[in-house]
Amino acid sequence: MEESPFVYLVFGLVYAGMILGEFPRLAVDRTGIVLLGAIALVASEHGDFSGVDAPRSSCSSASW
């Protein structure tokens, strides 16, 4: 399976943020950078989450 360039972009930004410790001019530390990267991948549906074995809530409004 081929990953999209968006995944590589998010990975690169998160990796750079982890090295720097924060993004200049933003009040985001390492934890926030990682969370924003994960949210970006999940929200964009570019990530492959087929290997994640997690129960799904019946009251969730998300269409998986």
Protein backbone atom coordinates (compact mmCIF):
# COMPACT_ATOMS: atom_id res chain seq x y z
CA MET A 1 0.00 0.00 0.00
CA GLU A 2 1.31 3.44 -0.89
CA GLU A 3 1.13 6.24 1.68
CA SER A 4 0.08 9.71 0.64
CA PRO A 5 2.46 12.68 0.81
CA PHE A 6 0.22 14.10 3.56
CA VAL A 7 1.28 11.31 5.93
CA TYR A 8 4.94 12.05 5.28
CA LEU A 9 4.34 15.78 5.80
CA VAL A 10 2.61 15.22 9.15
CA PHE A 11 5.33 12.77 10.21
CA GLY A 12 8.05 15.26 9.27
CA LEU A 13 6.39 18.12 11.14
CA VAL A 14 5.85 16.00 14.25
CA TYR A 15 9.42 14.71 14.11
CA ALA A 16 10.80 18.26 13.72
CA GLY A 17 8.62 19.43 16.60
CA MET A 18 9.90 16.62 18.79
CA ILE A 19 13.50 17.62 18.03
CA LEU A 20 12.87 21.33 18.64
CA GLY A 21 10.72 20.75 21.73
CA GLU A 22 8.16 23.28 20.52
CA PHE A 23 7.14 25.15 17.41
CA PRO A 24 8.32 28.76 17.36
CA ARG A 25 5.58 31.35 17.97
CA LEU A 26 3.06 28.69 19.01
CA ALA A 27 2.21 27.71 22.56
CA VAL A 28 2.51 24.00 21.73
CA ASP A 29 4.94 21.69 23.50
CA ARG A 30 5.98 18.13 22.52
CA THR A 31 2.79 16.56 23.85
CA GLY A 32 0.62 19.00 21.93
CA ILE A 33 2.61 18.46 18.75
CA VAL A 34 2.11 14.70 18.93
CA LEU A 35 -1.61 15.07 19.68
CA LEU A 36 -2.11 17.50 16.80
CA GLY A 37 -0.29 15.12 14.45
CA ALA A 38 -2.46 12.19 15.54
CA ILE A 39 -5.63 14.27 15.20
CA ALA A 40 -4.58 15.39 11.73
CA LEU A 41 -4.06 11.80 10.57
CA VAL A 42 -7.32 10.50 12.05
CA ALA A 43 -9.37 13.45 10.82
CA SER A 44 -7.95 13.26 7.30
CA GLU A 45 -8.50 9.49 7.02
CA HIS A 46 -5.08 9.11 5.37
CA GLY A 47 -3.79 6.82 8.10
CA ASP A 48 -4.15 3.05 7.92
CA PHE A 49 -5.77 1.94 11.16
CA SER A 50 -6.71 -1.60 10.08
CA GLY A 51 -4.23 -3.07 12.58
CA VAL A 52 -5.84 -1.33 15.56
CA ASP A 53 -8.01 -3.70 17.53
CA ALA A 54 -10.22 -1.42 19.58
CA PRO A 55 -13.88 -1.84 20.49
CA ARG A 56 -16.19 0.60 18.84
CA SER A 57 -18.90 2.34 20.77
CA SER A 58 -22.44 1.82 19.55
CA CYS A 59 -23.28 5.42 20.41
CA SER A 60 -20.46 6.85 18.32
CA SER A 61 -21.62 9.10 15.50
CA ALA A 62 -18.47 8.54 13.42
CA SER A 63 -18.86 6.46 10.28
CA TRP A 64 -15.98 4.00 10.23
